[in-house]
PDB file of N, CA and C in Angstrom:
ATOM      1  N   MET A   1      76.626  14.969 -66.147  1.00  0.00           N
ATOM      2  CA  MET A   1      75.507  15.225 -65.200  1.00  0.00           C
ATOM      3  C   MET A   1      75.760  15.003 -64.156  1.00  0.00           C
ATOM      4  N   ASN A   2      75.042  15.968 -63.590  1.00  0.00           N
ATOM      5  CA  ASN A   2      75.047  16.205 -62.491  1.00  0.00           C
ATOM      6  C   ASN A   2      74.044  15.466 -61.341  1.00  0.00           C
ATOM      7  N   ILE A   3      73.745  14.880 -59.866  1.00  0.00           N
ATOM      8  CA  ILE A   3      73.384  14.334 -59.616  1.00  0.00           C
ATOM      9  C   ILE A   3      72.590  14.322 -58.005  1.00  0.00           C
ATOM     10  N   GLU A   4      71.705  14.780 -57.682  1.00  0.00           N
ATOM     11  CA  GLU A   4      72.192  14.381 -56.792  1.00  0.00           C
ATOM     12  C   GLU A   4      71.069  13.615 -55.661  1.00  0.00           C
ATOM     13  N   LEU A   5      71.967  13.253 -54.580  1.00  0.00           N
ATOM     14  CA  LEU A   5      72.152  11.763 -53.170  1.00  0.00           C
ATOM     15  C   LEU A   5      71.281  12.632 -52.177  1.00  0.00           C
ATOM     16  N   PRO A   6      70.393  11.767 -51.142  1.00  0.00           N
ATOM     17  CA  PRO A   6      70.004  12.084 -50.555  1.00  0.00           C
ATOM     18  C   PRO A   6      71.093  11.586 -49.169  1.00  0.00           C
ATOM     19  N   ALA A   7      71.316  12.780 -48.437  1.00  0.00           N
ATOM     20  CA  ALA A   7      72.690  12.179 -47.550  1.00  0.00           C
ATOM     21  C   ALA A   7      73.104  10.886 -47.104  1.00  0.00           C
ATOM     22  N   ASP A   8      71.806   9.942 -46.492  1.00  0.00           N
ATOM     23  CA  ASP A   8      72.292   8.566 -46.148  1.00  0.00           C
ATOM     24  C   ASP A   8      73.224   7.620 -47.708  1.00  0.00           C
ATOM     25  N   ALA A   9      72.785   8.294 -48.778  1.00  0.00           N
ATOM     26  CA  ALA A   9      72.837   7.632 -49.340  1.00  0.00           C
ATOM     27  C   ALA A   9      74.485   8.227 -50.245  1.00  0.00           C
ATOM     28  N   VAL A  10      75.003   9.029 -50.292  1.00  0.00           N
ATOM     29  CA  VAL A  10      76.736  10.536 -49.421  1.00  0.00           C
ATOM     30  C   VAL A  10      77.431   9.065 -48.329  1.00  0.00           C
ATOM     31  N   GLN A  11      76.617   9.244 -48.097  1.00  0.00           N
ATOM     32  CA  GLN A  11      77.441   8.585 -46.461  1.00  0.00           C
ATOM     33  C   GLN A  11      78.157   7.628 -47.132  1.00  0.00           C
ATOM     34  N   PHE A  12      77.245   6.597 -47.495  1.00  0.00           N
ATOM     35  CA  PHE A  12      77.733   5.034 -47.774  1.00  0.00           C
ATOM     36  C   PHE A  12      77.939   5.538 -49.064  1.00  0.00           C
ATOM     37  N   VAL A  13      78.144   5.982 -49.893  1.00  0.00           N
ATOM     38  CA  VAL A  13      79.361   6.116 -51.320  1.00  0.00           C
ATOM     39  C   VAL A  13      80.631   6.577 -51.070  1.00  0.00           C
ATOM     40  N   GLU A  14      80.840   7.465 -49.605  1.00  0.00           N
ATOM     41  CA  GLU A  14      81.882   7.954 -49.538  1.00  0.00           C
ATOM     42  C   GLU A  14      82.447   6.794 -48.497  1.00  0.00           C
ATOM     43  N   GLY A  15      81.883   6.312 -47.439  1.00  0.00           N
ATOM     44  CA  GLY A  15      81.989   4.960 -47.274  1.00  0.00           C
ATOM     45  C   GLY A  15      83.100   4.167 -47.956  1.00  0.00           C
ATOM     46  N   LEU A  16      82.285   3.766 -48.988  1.00  0.00           N
ATOM     47  CA  LEU A  16      83.095   2.814 -49.869  1.00  0.00           C
ATOM     48  C   LEU A  16      84.462   2.853 -49.859  1.00  0.00           C
ATOM     49  N   VAL A  17      84.191   4.420 -50.809  1.00  0.00           N
ATOM     50  CA  VAL A  17      85.541   5.230 -51.124  1.00  0.00           C
ATOM     51  C   VAL A  17      86.574   4.883 -49.898  1.00  0.00           C
ATOM     52  N   ALA A  18      86.355   5.261 -48.988  1.00  0.00           N
ATOM     53  CA  ALA A  18      87.117   5.478 -48.048  1.00  0.00           C
ATOM     54  C   ALA A  18      87.537   3.962 -47.439  1.00  0.00           C
ATOM     55  N   ALA A  19      86.833   3.313 -47.141  1.00  0.00           N
ATOM     56  CA  ALA A  19      87.095   1.938 -47.160  1.00  0.00           C
ATOM     57  C   ALA A  19      87.855   1.180 -48.341  1.00  0.00           C
ATOM     58  N   GLY A  20      87.949   1.979 -49.569  1.00  0.00           N
ATOM     59  CA  GLY A  20      88.991   1.838 -50.310  1.00  0.00           C
ATOM     60  C   GLY A  20      88.614   0.201 -51.317  1.00  0.00           C
ATOM     61  N   GLN A  21      86.996   0.392 -52.035  1.00  0.00           N
ATOM     62  CA  GLN A  21      86.841  -0.566 -52.217  1.00  0.00           C
ATOM     63  C   GLN A  21      86.625   0.572 -53.385  1.00  0.00           C
ATOM     64  N   TYR A  22      86.334   0.986 -53.652  1.00  0.00           N
ATOM     65  CA  TYR A  22      86.793   2.157 -54.996  1.00  0.00           C
ATOM     66  C   TYR A  22      87.028   3.424 -54.845  1.00  0.00           C
ATOM     67  N   LYS A  23      87.812   3.796 -56.056  1.00  0.00           N
ATOM     68  CA  LYS A  23      88.798   4.277 -56.103  1.00  0.00           C
ATOM     69  C   LYS A  23      87.964   6.233 -55.649  1.00  0.00           C
ATOM     70  N   SER A  24      86.697   6.125 -56.212  1.00  0.00           N
ATOM     71  CA  SER A  24      85.876   7.380 -56.588  1.00  0.00           C
ATOM     72  C   SER A  24      84.310   7.127 -55.901  1.00  0.00           C
ATOM     73  N   ALA A  25      83.529   8.762 -55.796  1.00  0.00           N
ATOM     74  CA  ALA A  25      82.207   8.531 -55.965  1.00  0.00           C
ATOM     75  C   ALA A  25      81.413   7.852 -57.496  1.00  0.00           C
ATOM     76  N   ASN A  26      82.173   8.254 -58.386  1.00  0.00           N
ATOM     77  CA  ASN A  26      81.562   7.984 -59.868  1.00  0.00           C
ATOM     78  C   ASN A  26      82.114   6.418 -59.635  1.00  0.00           C
ATOM     79  N   GLU A  27      82.777   6.281 -59.409  1.00  0.00           N
ATOM     80  CA  GLU A  27      83.121   4.398 -59.719  1.00  0.00           C
ATOM     81  C   GLU A  27      81.682   3.518 -59.084  1.00  0.00           C
ATOM     82  N   VAL A  28      81.593   4.472 -58.007  1.00  0.00           N
ATOM     83  CA  VAL A  28      80.773   3.749 -56.309  1.00  0.00           C
ATOM     84  C   VAL A  28      79.152   3.957 -57.964  1.00  0.00           C
ATOM     85  N   VAL A  29      79.024   4.267 -58.241  1.00  0.00           N
ATOM     86  CA  VAL A  29      77.996   5.412 -58.554  1.00  0.00           C
ATOM     87  C   VAL A  29      77.516   4.051 -59.933  1.00  0.00           C
ATOM     88  N   ALA A  30      78.783   4.585 -61.147  1.00  0.00           N
ATOM     89  CA  ALA A  30      78.459   3.645 -62.506  1.00  0.00           C
ATOM     90  C   ALA A  30      78.165   2.750 -62.242  1.00  0.00           C
ATOM     91  N   ASP A  31      78.856   1.872 -60.753  1.00  0.00           N
ATOM     92  CA  ASP A  31      78.921   0.429 -60.390  1.00  0.00           C
ATOM     93  C   ASP A  31      77.209  -0.015 -59.755  1.00  0.00           C
ATOM     94  N   GLY A  32      76.701   0.742 -59.433  1.00  0.00           N
ATOM     95  CA  GLY A  32      75.254   0.780 -58.949  1.00  0.00           C
ATOM     96  C   GLY A  32      74.083   0.551 -59.989  1.00  0.00           C
ATOM     97  N   VAL A  33      74.473   1.493 -60.708  1.00  0.00           N
ATOM     98  CA  VAL A  33      73.909   1.743 -62.343  1.00  0.00           C
ATOM     99  C   VAL A  33      74.002   0.410 -63.198  1.00  0.00           C
ATOM    100  N   ARG A  34      75.278   0.220 -63.713  1.00  0.00           N
ATOM    101  CA  ARG A  34      75.910  -0.851 -63.893  1.00  0.00           C
ATOM    102  C   ARG A  34      75.057  -2.688 -63.129  1.00  0.00           C
ATOM    103  N   LEU A  35      74.682  -2.596 -61.880  1.00  0.00           N
ATOM    104  CA  LEU A  35      73.423  -3.006 -61.069  1.00  0.00           C
ATOM    105  C   LEU A  35      72.490  -2.941 -61.445  1.00  0.00           C
ATOM    106  N   LEU A  36      72.353  -2.228 -61.716  1.00  0.00           N
ATOM    107  CA  LEU A  36      70.057  -1.278 -61.374  1.00  0.00           C
ATOM    108  C   LEU A  36      69.909  -2.057 -63.884  1.00  0.00           C
ATOM    109  N   MET A  37      70.987  -2.348 -64.389  1.00  0.00           N
ATOM    110  CA  MET A  37      70.803  -2.641 -65.450  1.00  0.00           C
ATOM    111  C   MET A  37      70.578  -3.931 -65.587  1.00  0.00           C
ATOM    112  N   SER A  38      71.391  -4.699 -64.772  1.00  0.00           N
ATOM    113  CA  SER A  38      71.497  -6.233 -64.829  1.00  0.00           C
ATOM    114  C   SER A  38      69.977  -6.473 -64.104  1.00  0.00           C
ATOM    115  N   ARG A  39      69.858  -5.788 -63.295  1.00  0.00           N
ATOM    116  CA  ARG A  39      68.457  -6.128 -62.944  1.00  0.00           C
ATOM    117  C   ARG A  39      67.493  -6.260 -63.478  1.00  0.00           C
ATOM    118  N   GLN A  40      67.200  -5.248 -64.122  1.00  0.00           N
ATOM    119  CA  GLN A  40      66.178  -4.807 -65.025  1.00  0.00           C
ATOM    120  C   GLN A  40      66.654  -6.280 -66.061  1.00  0.00           C
ATOM    121  N   GLN A  41      67.276  -6.217 -66.879  1.00  0.00           N
ATOM    122  CA  GLN A  41      68.044  -7.477 -67.667  1.00  0.00           C
ATOM    123  C   GLN A  41      66.953  -8.429 -66.796  1.00  0.00           C
ATOM    124  N   LEU A  42      67.483  -8.765 -65.922  1.00  0.00           N
ATOM    125  CA  LEU A  42      66.688 -10.382 -65.470  1.00  0.00           C
ATOM    126  C   LEU A  42      65.477 -10.346 -65.194  1.00  0.00           C
ATOM    127  N   ARG A  43      64.905  -8.920 -65.060  1.00  0.00           N
ATOM    128  CA  ARG A  43      63.552  -8.740 -65.019  1.00  0.00           C
ATOM    129  C   ARG A  43      62.428  -8.664 -66.134  1.00  0.00           C
ATOM    130  N   ALA A  44      63.637  -9.090 -67.154  1.00  0.00           N
ATOM    131  CA  ALA A  44      62.996  -9.138 -68.619  1.00  0.00           C
ATOM    132  C   ALA A  44      62.879 -10.190 -69.087  1.00  0.00           C
ATOM    133  N   GLU A  45      63.829 -11.217 -68.622  1.00  0.00           N
ATOM    134  CA  GLU A  45      64.253 -12.714 -68.876  1.00  0.00           C
ATOM    135  C   GLU A  45      63.511 -13.810 -68.157  1.00  0.00           C
ATOM    136  N   ILE A  46      63.173 -13.340 -67.544  1.00  0.00           N
ATOM    137  CA  ILE A  46      61.717 -14.015 -65.842  1.00  0.00           C
ATOM    138  C   ILE A  46      60.244 -13.320 -67.293  1.00  0.00           C
ATOM    139  N   GLN A  47      60.569 -12.391 -66.969  1.00  0.00           N
ATOM    140  CA  GLN A  47      58.815 -12.015 -67.916  1.00  0.00           C
ATOM    141  C   GLN A  47      58.622 -12.726 -69.184  1.00  0.00           C
ATOM    142  N   LYS A  48      60.088 -12.862 -69.573  1.00  0.00           N
ATOM    143  CA  LYS A  48      60.030 -14.158 -71.124  1.00  0.00           C
ATOM    144  C   LYS A  48      59.617 -15.245 -70.825  1.00  0.00           C
ATOM    145  N   GLY A  49      60.163 -15.742 -69.648  1.00  0.00           N
ATOM    146  CA  GLY A  49      60.180 -16.708 -69.244  1.00  0.00           C
ATOM    147  C   GLY A  49      57.965 -16.888 -68.756  1.00  0.00           C
ATOM    148  N   ILE A  50      58.057 -16.514 -68.440  1.00  0.00           N
ATOM    149  CA  ILE A  50      56.613 -16.304 -67.799  1.00  0.00           C
ATOM    150  C   ILE A  50      55.689 -16.349 -68.937  1.00  0.00           C
ATOM    151  N   ASP A  51      56.135 -15.612 -69.585  1.00  0.00           N
ATOM    152  CA  ASP A  51      55.263 -14.928 -70.814  1.00  0.00           C
ATOM    153  C   ASP A  51      55.229 -16.705 -71.837  1.00  0.00           C
ATOM    154  N   GLN A  52      55.961 -16.915 -71.807  1.00  0.00           N
ATOM    155  CA  GLN A  52      56.610 -18.652 -71.999  1.00  0.00           C
ATOM    156  C   GLN A  52      55.960 -19.622 -71.304  1.00  0.00           C
ATOM    157  N   LEU A  53      55.305 -19.704 -70.401  1.00  0.00           N
ATOM    158  CA  LEU A  53      54.950 -20.484 -69.727  1.00  0.00           C
ATOM    159  C   LEU A  53      53.561 -20.174 -69.636  1.00  0.00           C
ATOM    160  N   ASP A  54      53.142 -18.919 -70.294  1.00  0.00           N
ATOM    161  CA  ASP A  54      51.331 -18.760 -70.467  1.00  0.00           C
ATOM    162  C   ASP A  54      51.069 -19.136 -71.979  1.00  0.00           C
ATOM    163  N   ALA A  55      52.185 -19.176 -72.494  1.00  0.00           N
ATOM    164  CA  ALA A  55      51.839 -19.607 -73.733  1.00  0.00           C
ATOM    165  C   ALA A  55      51.728 -21.396 -73.762  1.00  0.00           C
ATOM    166  N   GLY A  56      52.262 -22.302 -73.133  1.00  0.00           N
ATOM    167  CA  GLY A  56      51.698 -23.805 -72.942  1.00  0.00           C
ATOM    168  C   GLY A  56      53.621 -23.192 -73.858  1.00  0.00           C
ATOM    169  N   GLN A  57      54.538 -23.041 -73.734  1.00  0.00           N
ATOM    170  CA  GLN A  57      55.639 -22.968 -74.437  1.00  0.00           C
ATOM    171  C   GLN A  57      57.331 -23.799 -73.001  1.00  0.00           C
ATOM    172  N   GLY A  58      55.914 -24.135 -71.828  1.00  0.00           N
ATOM    173  CA  GLY A  58      57.112 -25.036 -70.749  1.00  0.00           C
ATOM    174  C   GLY A  58      57.797 -26.014 -71.477  1.00  0.00           C
ATOM    175  N   ILE A  59      58.547 -26.762 -69.947  1.00  0.00           N
ATOM    176  CA  ILE A  59      58.783 -28.035 -70.479  1.00  0.00           C
ATOM    177  C   ILE A  59      58.170 -28.379 -69.034  1.00  0.00           C
ATOM    178  N   ASP A  60      58.008 -29.756 -68.963  1.00  0.00           N
ATOM    179  CA  ASP A  60      57.907 -30.226 -67.825  1.00  0.00           C
ATOM    180  C   ASP A  60      58.905 -30.590 -66.926  1.00  0.00           C
ATOM    181  N   GLY A  61      59.043 -30.405 -65.044  1.00  0.00           N
ATOM    182  CA  GLY A  61      59.738 -29.979 -64.385  1.00  0.00           C
ATOM    183  C   GLY A  61      60.763 -31.389 -64.644  1.00  0.00           C
ATOM    184  N   ASP A  62      59.625 -32.532 -64.333  1.00  0.00           N
ATOM    185  CA  ASP A  62      60.199 -33.890 -64.345  1.00  0.00           C
ATOM    186  C   ASP A  62      60.851 -34.162 -65.497  1.00  0.00           C
ATOM    187  N   VAL A  63      60.822 -33.388 -66.718  1.00  0.00           N
ATOM    188  CA  VAL A  63      61.256 -34.484 -67.477  1.00  0.00           C
ATOM    189  C   VAL A  63      62.883 -33.624 -67.767  1.00  0.00           C
ATOM    190  N   VAL A  64      63.027 -32.098 -67.499  1.00  0.00           N
ATOM    191  CA  VAL A  64      64.036 -31.927 -67.299  1.00  0.00           C
ATOM    192  C   VAL A  64      65.214 -32.777 -66.599  1.00  0.00           C
ATOM    193  N   PHE A  65      64.208 -32.669 -65.316  1.00  0.00           N
ATOM    194  CA  PHE A  65      65.569 -33.371 -64.241  1.00  0.00           C
ATOM    195  C   PHE A  65      65.536 -34.646 -64.832  1.00  0.00           C
ATOM    196  N   ALA A  66      65.107 -35.210 -65.218  1.00  0.00           N
ATOM    197  CA  ALA A  66      65.498 -36.389 -65.434  1.00  0.00           C
ATOM    198  C   ALA A  66      66.679 -36.718 -66.497  1.00  0.00           C
ATOM    199  N   GLU A  67      66.789 -35.095 -67.666  1.00  0.00           N
ATOM    200  CA  GLU A  67      67.579 -35.148 -68.304  1.00  0.00           C
ATOM    201  C   GLU A  67      68.858 -35.161 -67.804  1.00  0.00           C
ATOM    202  N   LEU A  68      68.641 -34.305 -66.761  1.00  0.00           N
ATOM    203  CA  LEU A  68      69.567 -33.969 -65.430  1.00  0.00           C
ATOM    204  C   LEU A  68      70.603 -35.072 -64.994  1.00  0.00           C
ATOM    205  N   ARG A  69      69.563 -35.685 -64.181  1.00  0.00           N
ATOM    206  CA  ARG A  69      69.883 -36.598 -63.942  1.00  0.00           C
ATOM    207  C   ARG A  69      71.055 -37.654 -64.867  1.00  0.00           C
ATOM    208  N   GLU A  70      69.921 -37.921 -65.737  1.00  0.00           N
ATOM    209  CA  GLU A  70      71.112 -38.742 -66.867  1.00  0.00           C
ATOM    210  C   GLU A  70      72.828 -38.105 -67.055  1.00  0.00           C
ATOM    211  N   ARG A  71      72.345 -36.800 -67.956  1.00  0.00           N
ATOM    212  CA  ARG A  71      73.838 -35.583 -68.057  1.00  0.00           C
ATOM    213  C   ARG A  71      75.110 -36.222 -66.809  1.00  0.00           C
ATOM    214  N   ALA A  72      74.243 -36.570 -65.618  1.00  0.00           N
ATOM    215  CA  ALA A  72      75.202 -35.873 -64.333  1.00  0.00           C
ATOM    216  C   ALA A  72      76.056 -37.459 -64.195  1.00  0.00           C
ATOM    217  N   LYS A  73      74.671 -38.736 -64.841  1.00  0.00           N
ATOM    218  CA  LYS A  73      75.482 -40.173 -64.223  1.00  0.00           C
ATOM    219  C   LYS A  73      76.797 -40.182 -65.320  1.00  0.00           C
ATOM    220  N   LYS A  74      75.925 -40.061 -66.721  1.00  0.00           N
ATOM    221  CA  LYS A  74      77.259 -40.129 -67.563  1.00  0.00           C
ATOM    222  C   LYS A  74      78.781 -39.386 -67.491  1.00  0.00           C
ATOM    223  N   LEU A  75      78.487 -38.299 -66.742  1.00  0.00           N
ATOM    224  CA  LEU A  75      79.506 -37.495 -66.312  1.00  0.00           C
ATOM    225  C   LEU A  75      80.408 -38.150 -65.122  1.00  0.00           C
ATOM    226  N   LEU A  76      79.422 -38.810 -64.481  1.00  0.00           N
ATOM    227  CA  LEU A  76      80.321 -39.625 -63.716  1.00  0.00           C
ATOM    228  C   LEU A  76      80.743 -41.079 -64.118  1.00  0.00           C
ATOM    229  N   GLU A  77      80.000 -41.648 -64.728  1.00  0.00           N
ATOM    230  CA  GLU A  77      80.336 -42.370 -65.480  1.00  0.00           C
ATOM    231  C   GLU A  77      82.280 -42.687 -66.095  1.00  0.00           C
ATOM    232  N   THR A  78      82.413 -41.373 -66.847  1.00  0.00           N
ATOM    233  CA  THR A  78      83.556 -41.058 -67.572  1.00  0.00           C
ATOM    234  C   THR A  78      84.584 -40.291 -67.032  1.00  0.00           C
ATOM    235  N   ALA A  79      84.329 -39.841 -65.822  1.00  0.00           N
ATOM    236  CA  ALA A  79      85.149 -39.369 -65.117  1.00  0.00           C
ATOM    237  C   ALA A  79      85.399 -40.351 -64.111  1.00  0.00           C
ATOM    238  N   GLY A  80      84.672 -41.657 -63.634  1.00  0.00           N
ATOM    239  CA  GLY A  80      85.228 -42.618 -62.567  1.00  0.00           C
ATOM    240  C   GLY A  80      85.934 -43.578 -63.299  1.00  0.00           C
TER     241      GLY A  80
END
């Protein structure tokens, strides 16, 4: 696959390689693609949560925080 990047993107990639953060331009681009994939996955997970909330499948925030406080309290009791 051959890709063309705008001049400012090329300079950015070359700068990362020159600074020793990456071994090659291919590594920079591959890392960028991985970040985009992660962002897409996060968006999908967020949308899934929104859909669940819209369907009334959410958990009341007060209940969640009460459970977290109880867990933290138990952990502190066993640690100290």
